[in-house]
């Protein structure tokens, strides 16, 4: 079974940094793509970044995090990371590691849609204080 385990959340002051980690397992083939969503209190879930994927170099970011967040991966360790810099109070949310598996079509135009993702990990809380 595919499993996604997010970690690394916490409390940080505005302007600070955090690195979220997603440990993944269970993919039989390499045609998967792993990204990040978040859900702030009282708001809908939002696509943050997509995707770490074998053979696909393009990455995508929500406008609100461009230039501050970076997605990366260590395939040998089966880990995907989200480096978050210059954090703002509005980044406060539960962050989810998500996966498309298998990747059967290009996702660049729709990566931000929840329905694109087949697997969701449990969330990790990020709280940014002002």
N, C-alpha and C. Protein backbone atom coordinates (compact mmCIF):
# COMPACT_ATOMS: atom_id res chain seq x y z
N UNK A 1 0.83 -1.19 0.00
CA UNK A 1 0.00 0.00 0.00
C UNK A 1 0.87 1.25 0.00
N UNK A 2 0.40 2.25 -0.72
CA UNK A 2 1.09 3.53 -0.71
C UNK A 2 0.89 4.22 0.62
N UNK A 3 1.97 4.71 1.16
CA UNK A 3 1.91 5.47 2.41
C UNK A 3 2.72 6.74 2.28
N UNK A 4 2.17 7.80 2.82
CA UNK A 4 2.83 9.11 2.83
C UNK A 4 2.82 9.60 4.27
N UNK A 5 3.97 9.96 4.77
CA UNK A 5 4.09 10.39 6.17
C UNK A 5 4.78 11.75 6.21
N UNK A 6 4.01 12.78 6.51
CA UNK A 6 4.55 14.13 6.59
C UNK A 6 5.01 14.43 8.01
N UNK A 7 6.06 15.22 8.10
CA UNK A 7 6.59 15.64 9.40
C UNK A 7 7.33 16.95 9.24
N UNK A 8 7.72 17.52 10.36
CA UNK A 8 8.53 18.73 10.31
C UNK A 8 7.80 20.01 10.63
N UNK A 9 6.51 19.93 10.85
CA UNK A 9 5.78 21.13 11.21
C UNK A 9 6.15 21.63 12.59
N UNK A 10 5.65 22.82 12.91
CA UNK A 10 5.94 23.39 14.22
C UNK A 10 5.53 24.84 14.28
N UNK A 11 5.98 25.48 15.34
CA UNK A 11 5.70 26.89 15.57
C UNK A 11 6.95 27.69 15.22
N UNK A 12 6.78 28.72 14.41
CA UNK A 12 7.91 29.55 13.99
C UNK A 12 7.45 30.99 13.90
N UNK A 13 8.36 31.90 14.12
CA UNK A 13 8.03 33.32 14.00
C UNK A 13 8.01 33.74 12.54
N UNK A 14 7.26 34.77 12.26
CA UNK A 14 7.23 35.32 10.91
C UNK A 14 8.64 35.65 10.45
N UNK A 15 8.93 35.31 9.20
CA UNK A 15 10.26 35.52 8.66
C UNK A 15 11.17 34.32 8.82
N UNK A 16 10.75 33.35 9.61
CA UNK A 16 11.54 32.16 9.84
C UNK A 16 11.37 31.11 8.76
N UNK A 17 12.00 29.97 8.99
CA UNK A 17 12.00 28.88 8.02
C UNK A 17 11.64 27.56 8.68
N UNK A 18 11.07 26.68 7.89
CA UNK A 18 10.83 25.30 8.28
C UNK A 18 11.06 24.42 7.07
N UNK A 19 11.42 23.19 7.31
CA UNK A 19 11.49 22.21 6.23
C UNK A 19 10.57 21.04 6.57
N UNK A 20 9.59 20.85 5.75
CA UNK A 20 8.70 19.71 5.90
C UNK A 20 9.27 18.52 5.14
N UNK A 21 9.03 17.34 5.68
CA UNK A 21 9.49 16.11 5.05
C UNK A 21 8.31 15.19 4.79
N UNK A 22 8.39 14.46 3.71
CA UNK A 22 7.38 13.45 3.39
C UNK A 22 8.11 12.16 3.09
N UNK A 23 7.91 11.17 3.94
CA UNK A 23 8.47 9.84 3.71
C UNK A 23 7.43 9.03 2.96
N UNK A 24 7.82 8.46 1.83
CA UNK A 24 6.85 7.72 1.03
C UNK A 24 7.29 6.27 0.84
N UNK A 25 6.31 5.43 0.61
CA UNK A 25 6.58 4.02 0.38
C UNK A 25 5.41 3.40 -0.35
N UNK A 26 5.64 2.24 -0.92
CA UNK A 26 4.56 1.46 -1.51
C UNK A 26 4.35 1.63 -3.00
N UNK A 27 5.14 2.50 -3.65
CA UNK A 27 4.99 2.65 -5.09
C UNK A 27 5.67 1.48 -5.78
N UNK A 28 4.93 0.77 -6.60
CA UNK A 28 5.48 -0.37 -7.31
C UNK A 28 6.29 0.08 -8.52
N UNK A 29 5.82 1.14 -9.18
CA UNK A 29 6.50 1.68 -10.34
C UNK A 29 6.89 3.12 -10.07
N UNK A 30 7.75 3.67 -10.94
CA UNK A 30 8.27 5.03 -10.74
C UNK A 30 7.36 6.11 -11.30
N UNK A 31 6.18 5.76 -11.77
CA UNK A 31 5.32 6.78 -12.36
C UNK A 31 4.42 7.42 -11.30
N UNK A 32 5.03 8.08 -10.35
CA UNK A 32 4.29 8.78 -9.31
C UNK A 32 4.76 10.22 -9.25
N UNK A 33 3.95 11.06 -8.67
CA UNK A 33 4.29 12.47 -8.48
C UNK A 33 3.82 12.86 -7.08
N UNK A 34 4.68 13.49 -6.33
CA UNK A 34 4.38 13.84 -4.94
C UNK A 34 4.43 15.35 -4.76
N UNK A 35 3.43 15.89 -4.13
CA UNK A 35 3.36 17.32 -3.90
C UNK A 35 2.84 17.64 -2.52
N UNK A 36 2.48 18.91 -2.35
CA UNK A 36 2.02 19.40 -1.04
C UNK A 36 0.76 20.24 -1.19
N UNK A 37 -0.17 20.02 -0.28
CA UNK A 37 -1.35 20.84 -0.12
C UNK A 37 -1.35 21.40 1.30
N UNK A 38 -2.19 22.36 1.53
CA UNK A 38 -2.38 22.87 2.89
C UNK A 38 -3.81 23.29 3.10
N UNK A 39 -4.21 23.32 4.36
CA UNK A 39 -5.54 23.78 4.72
C UNK A 39 -5.44 24.65 5.95
N UNK A 40 -5.79 25.91 5.76
CA UNK A 40 -5.81 26.86 6.86
C UNK A 40 -7.17 26.79 7.56
N UNK A 41 -7.22 27.22 8.82
CA UNK A 41 -8.49 27.18 9.55
C UNK A 41 -9.58 27.93 8.81
N UNK A 42 -10.72 27.27 8.61
CA UNK A 42 -11.85 27.91 7.97
C UNK A 42 -11.74 28.08 6.48
N UNK A 43 -10.69 27.53 5.88
CA UNK A 43 -10.50 27.67 4.44
C UNK A 43 -10.44 26.33 3.76
N UNK A 44 -10.60 26.34 2.45
CA UNK A 44 -10.51 25.12 1.68
C UNK A 44 -9.04 24.72 1.50
N UNK A 45 -8.83 23.46 1.17
CA UNK A 45 -7.48 23.00 0.92
C UNK A 45 -6.93 23.66 -0.33
N UNK A 46 -5.65 23.94 -0.29
CA UNK A 46 -4.99 24.69 -1.35
C UNK A 46 -3.74 23.96 -1.81
N UNK A 47 -3.56 23.85 -3.11
CA UNK A 47 -2.34 23.28 -3.62
C UNK A 47 -1.18 24.22 -3.37
N UNK A 48 -0.11 23.72 -2.80
CA UNK A 48 1.05 24.55 -2.48
C UNK A 48 2.17 24.34 -3.50
N UNK A 49 2.49 23.07 -3.77
CA UNK A 49 3.58 22.79 -4.69
C UNK A 49 3.46 21.39 -5.25
N UNK A 50 3.86 21.28 -6.48
CA UNK A 50 3.88 19.99 -7.18
C UNK A 50 5.07 20.00 -8.11
N UNK A 51 5.64 19.00 -8.46
CA UNK A 51 5.66 17.70 -7.81
C UNK A 51 7.07 17.15 -7.97
N UNK A 52 7.41 16.32 -7.04
CA UNK A 52 8.62 15.55 -7.21
C UNK A 52 8.24 14.29 -7.96
N UNK A 53 8.84 14.09 -9.14
CA UNK A 53 8.43 12.98 -9.98
C UNK A 53 9.60 12.51 -10.82
N UNK A 54 9.79 11.21 -10.89
CA UNK A 54 10.88 10.66 -11.69
C UNK A 54 10.60 10.94 -13.16
N UNK A 55 11.53 11.56 -13.83
CA UNK A 55 11.39 11.82 -15.25
C UNK A 55 10.65 13.09 -15.59
N UNK A 56 10.17 13.81 -14.59
CA UNK A 56 9.46 15.06 -14.84
C UNK A 56 10.16 16.16 -14.04
N UNK A 57 10.75 17.10 -14.74
CA UNK A 57 11.56 18.12 -14.07
C UNK A 57 10.78 19.35 -13.67
N UNK A 58 9.62 19.57 -14.26
CA UNK A 58 8.88 20.79 -13.95
C UNK A 58 8.30 20.74 -12.56
N UNK A 59 8.36 21.85 -11.87
CA UNK A 59 7.70 21.98 -10.58
C UNK A 59 6.79 23.20 -10.61
N UNK A 60 5.80 23.18 -9.76
CA UNK A 60 4.78 24.21 -9.76
C UNK A 60 4.54 24.69 -8.34
N UNK A 61 4.20 25.96 -8.25
CA UNK A 61 3.97 26.57 -6.94
C UNK A 61 2.75 27.47 -6.99
N UNK A 62 2.05 27.52 -5.87
CA UNK A 62 1.00 28.51 -5.73
C UNK A 62 1.63 29.90 -5.77
N UNK A 63 0.91 30.86 -6.32
CA UNK A 63 1.43 32.22 -6.41
C UNK A 63 1.83 32.76 -5.05
N UNK A 64 1.09 32.37 -4.05
CA UNK A 64 1.32 32.91 -2.70
C UNK A 64 2.63 32.43 -2.07
N UNK A 65 3.24 31.39 -2.65
CA UNK A 65 4.47 30.86 -2.05
C UNK A 65 5.66 30.92 -3.00
N UNK A 66 5.43 31.34 -4.22
CA UNK A 66 6.54 31.41 -5.19
C UNK A 66 7.67 32.28 -4.67
N UNK A 67 8.88 31.77 -4.83
CA UNK A 67 10.05 32.50 -4.38
C UNK A 67 10.38 32.27 -2.92
N UNK A 68 9.47 31.64 -2.18
CA UNK A 68 9.71 31.38 -0.76
C UNK A 68 9.80 29.89 -0.44
N UNK A 69 9.03 29.09 -1.17
CA UNK A 69 8.99 27.65 -0.92
C UNK A 69 9.69 26.92 -2.06
N UNK A 70 10.32 25.78 -1.71
CA UNK A 70 11.00 24.97 -2.72
C UNK A 70 10.74 23.49 -2.43
N UNK A 71 10.29 22.79 -3.45
CA UNK A 71 10.09 21.35 -3.32
C UNK A 71 11.33 20.64 -3.84
N UNK A 72 11.72 19.58 -3.15
CA UNK A 72 12.87 18.80 -3.57
C UNK A 72 12.69 17.36 -3.11
N UNK A 73 13.61 16.51 -3.52
CA UNK A 73 13.47 15.11 -3.16
C UNK A 73 14.81 14.43 -3.03
N UNK A 74 14.81 13.34 -2.31
CA UNK A 74 15.95 12.43 -2.22
C UNK A 74 15.38 11.05 -2.49
N UNK A 75 15.48 10.61 -3.74
CA UNK A 75 14.86 9.36 -4.12
C UNK A 75 15.47 8.16 -3.41
N UNK A 76 16.76 8.24 -3.12
CA UNK A 76 17.41 7.13 -2.43
C UNK A 76 16.83 6.93 -1.03
N UNK A 77 16.46 8.03 -0.41
CA UNK A 77 15.87 7.97 0.93
C UNK A 77 14.35 7.89 0.88
N UNK A 78 13.79 8.00 -0.30
CA UNK A 78 12.34 8.01 -0.47
C UNK A 78 11.71 9.13 0.36
N UNK A 79 12.26 10.32 0.14
CA UNK A 79 11.80 11.49 0.86
C UNK A 79 11.53 12.63 -0.12
N UNK A 80 10.51 13.40 0.16
CA UNK A 80 10.23 14.65 -0.54
C UNK A 80 10.18 15.74 0.52
N UNK A 81 10.74 16.90 0.18
CA UNK A 81 10.84 17.98 1.14
C UNK A 81 10.13 19.23 0.63
N UNK A 82 9.72 20.05 1.56
CA UNK A 82 9.21 21.38 1.23
C UNK A 82 9.96 22.36 2.13
N UNK A 83 10.91 23.06 1.52
CA UNK A 83 11.63 24.09 2.25
C UNK A 83 10.81 25.37 2.21
N UNK A 84 10.50 25.89 3.38
CA UNK A 84 9.65 27.08 3.48
C UNK A 84 10.44 28.19 4.15
N UNK A 85 10.69 29.24 3.41
CA UNK A 85 11.43 30.38 3.92
C UNK A 85 10.54 31.61 3.98
N UNK A 86 10.99 32.61 4.70
CA UNK A 86 10.25 33.88 4.82
C UNK A 86 8.79 33.63 5.16
N UNK A 87 8.57 32.80 6.13
CA UNK A 87 7.21 32.41 6.47
C UNK A 87 6.39 33.58 6.97
N UNK A 88 5.10 33.54 6.63
CA UNK A 88 4.16 34.58 7.00
C UNK A 88 3.05 33.97 7.85
N UNK A 89 2.38 34.76 8.65
CA UNK A 89 1.26 34.23 9.43
C UNK A 89 0.21 33.55 8.56
N UNK A 90 0.02 34.04 7.35
CA UNK A 90 -0.97 33.43 6.45
C UNK A 90 -0.53 32.07 5.92
N UNK A 91 0.69 31.65 6.20
CA UNK A 91 1.13 30.30 5.84
C UNK A 91 0.69 29.28 6.89
N UNK A 92 0.13 29.75 7.99
CA UNK A 92 -0.36 28.86 9.04
C UNK A 92 -1.43 27.93 8.48
N UNK A 93 -1.20 26.64 8.62
CA UNK A 93 -2.11 25.65 8.04
C UNK A 93 -1.63 24.25 8.42
N UNK A 94 -2.48 23.30 8.16
CA UNK A 94 -2.05 21.90 8.18
C UNK A 94 -1.57 21.56 6.77
N UNK A 95 -0.37 21.04 6.68
CA UNK A 95 0.25 20.72 5.39
C UNK A 95 0.18 19.22 5.15
N UNK A 96 -0.24 18.87 3.94
CA UNK A 96 -0.42 17.47 3.56
C UNK A 96 0.51 17.10 2.42
N UNK A 97 1.08 15.93 2.53
CA UNK A 97 1.84 15.32 1.46
C UNK A 97 0.86 14.51 0.62
N UNK A 98 0.91 14.70 -0.70
CA UNK A 98 -0.08 14.07 -1.58
C UNK A 98 0.61 13.43 -2.78
N UNK A 99 -0.04 12.46 -3.38
CA UNK A 99 0.59 11.76 -4.50
C UNK A 99 -0.39 11.44 -5.61
N UNK A 100 0.10 11.57 -6.83
CA UNK A 100 -0.59 11.07 -8.00
C UNK A 100 0.08 9.75 -8.35
N UNK A 101 -0.73 8.69 -8.40
CA UNK A 101 -0.16 7.38 -8.71
C UNK A 101 -1.21 6.42 -9.23
N UNK A 102 -1.07 5.95 -10.43
CA UNK A 102 0.01 6.25 -11.36
C UNK A 102 -0.24 7.56 -12.11
N UNK A 103 0.80 8.13 -12.64
CA UNK A 103 0.67 9.31 -13.48
C UNK A 103 0.29 8.85 -14.87
N UNK A 104 -0.93 9.12 -15.27
CA UNK A 104 -1.44 8.64 -16.55
C UNK A 104 -1.60 9.77 -17.56
N UNK A 105 -1.44 11.01 -17.12
CA UNK A 105 -1.62 12.15 -18.01
C UNK A 105 -0.80 13.32 -17.46
N UNK A 106 -0.47 14.28 -18.31
CA UNK A 106 0.23 15.47 -17.81
C UNK A 106 -0.59 16.18 -16.75
N UNK A 107 0.08 16.65 -15.72
CA UNK A 107 -0.64 17.29 -14.62
C UNK A 107 -0.30 18.77 -14.48
N UNK A 108 0.51 19.30 -15.37
CA UNK A 108 0.97 20.68 -15.21
C UNK A 108 -0.14 21.71 -15.18
N UNK A 109 -1.22 21.47 -15.91
CA UNK A 109 -2.30 22.45 -15.97
C UNK A 109 -3.32 22.29 -14.86
N UNK A 110 -3.21 21.21 -14.11
CA UNK A 110 -4.24 20.95 -13.11
C UNK A 110 -3.66 20.47 -11.79
N UNK A 111 -2.39 20.69 -11.56
CA UNK A 111 -1.74 20.16 -10.36
C UNK A 111 -2.38 20.67 -9.09
N UNK A 112 -3.04 21.82 -9.17
CA UNK A 112 -3.59 22.47 -7.98
C UNK A 112 -4.96 21.92 -7.58
N UNK A 113 -5.48 21.02 -8.38
CA UNK A 113 -6.80 20.46 -8.10
C UNK A 113 -6.69 19.24 -7.20
N UNK A 114 -7.46 19.24 -6.14
CA UNK A 114 -7.46 18.11 -5.21
C UNK A 114 -7.75 16.79 -5.91
N UNK A 115 -8.64 16.84 -6.87
CA UNK A 115 -9.09 15.60 -7.53
C UNK A 115 -7.98 14.91 -8.30
N UNK A 116 -6.86 15.61 -8.54
CA UNK A 116 -5.75 15.00 -9.27
C UNK A 116 -5.03 13.96 -8.44
N UNK A 117 -5.16 14.03 -7.13
CA UNK A 117 -4.33 13.24 -6.23
C UNK A 117 -5.05 12.01 -5.73
N UNK A 118 -4.32 10.90 -5.78
CA UNK A 118 -4.88 9.61 -5.41
C UNK A 118 -4.62 9.25 -3.96
N UNK A 119 -3.57 9.80 -3.40
CA UNK A 119 -3.20 9.45 -2.03
C UNK A 119 -2.87 10.70 -1.23
N UNK A 120 -3.32 10.68 0.02
CA UNK A 120 -3.09 11.79 0.94
C UNK A 120 -2.51 11.24 2.23
N UNK A 121 -1.45 11.90 2.70
CA UNK A 121 -0.92 11.54 3.99
C UNK A 121 -1.63 12.30 5.09
N UNK A 122 -1.25 12.01 6.30
CA UNK A 122 -1.80 12.80 7.42
C UNK A 122 -1.09 14.15 7.41
N UNK A 123 -1.67 15.13 7.99
CA UNK A 123 -1.10 16.47 7.92
C UNK A 123 -0.10 16.73 9.03
N UNK A 124 0.66 17.80 8.82
CA UNK A 124 1.55 18.30 9.85
C UNK A 124 1.25 19.78 10.03
N UNK A 125 1.11 20.21 11.27
CA UNK A 125 0.69 21.57 11.56
C UNK A 125 1.87 22.54 11.48
N UNK A 126 1.65 23.61 10.74
CA UNK A 126 2.62 24.71 10.69
C UNK A 126 1.92 25.95 11.23
N UNK A 127 2.50 26.56 12.24
CA UNK A 127 1.95 27.77 12.82
C UNK A 127 3.01 28.87 12.78
N UNK A 128 2.65 29.98 12.14
CA UNK A 128 3.56 31.10 12.02
C UNK A 128 3.02 32.25 12.84
N UNK A 129 3.78 32.67 13.83
CA UNK A 129 3.33 33.75 14.70
C UNK A 129 3.85 35.09 14.19
N UNK A 130 3.06 36.11 14.42
CA UNK A 130 3.44 37.45 13.94
C UNK A 130 4.27 38.19 14.96
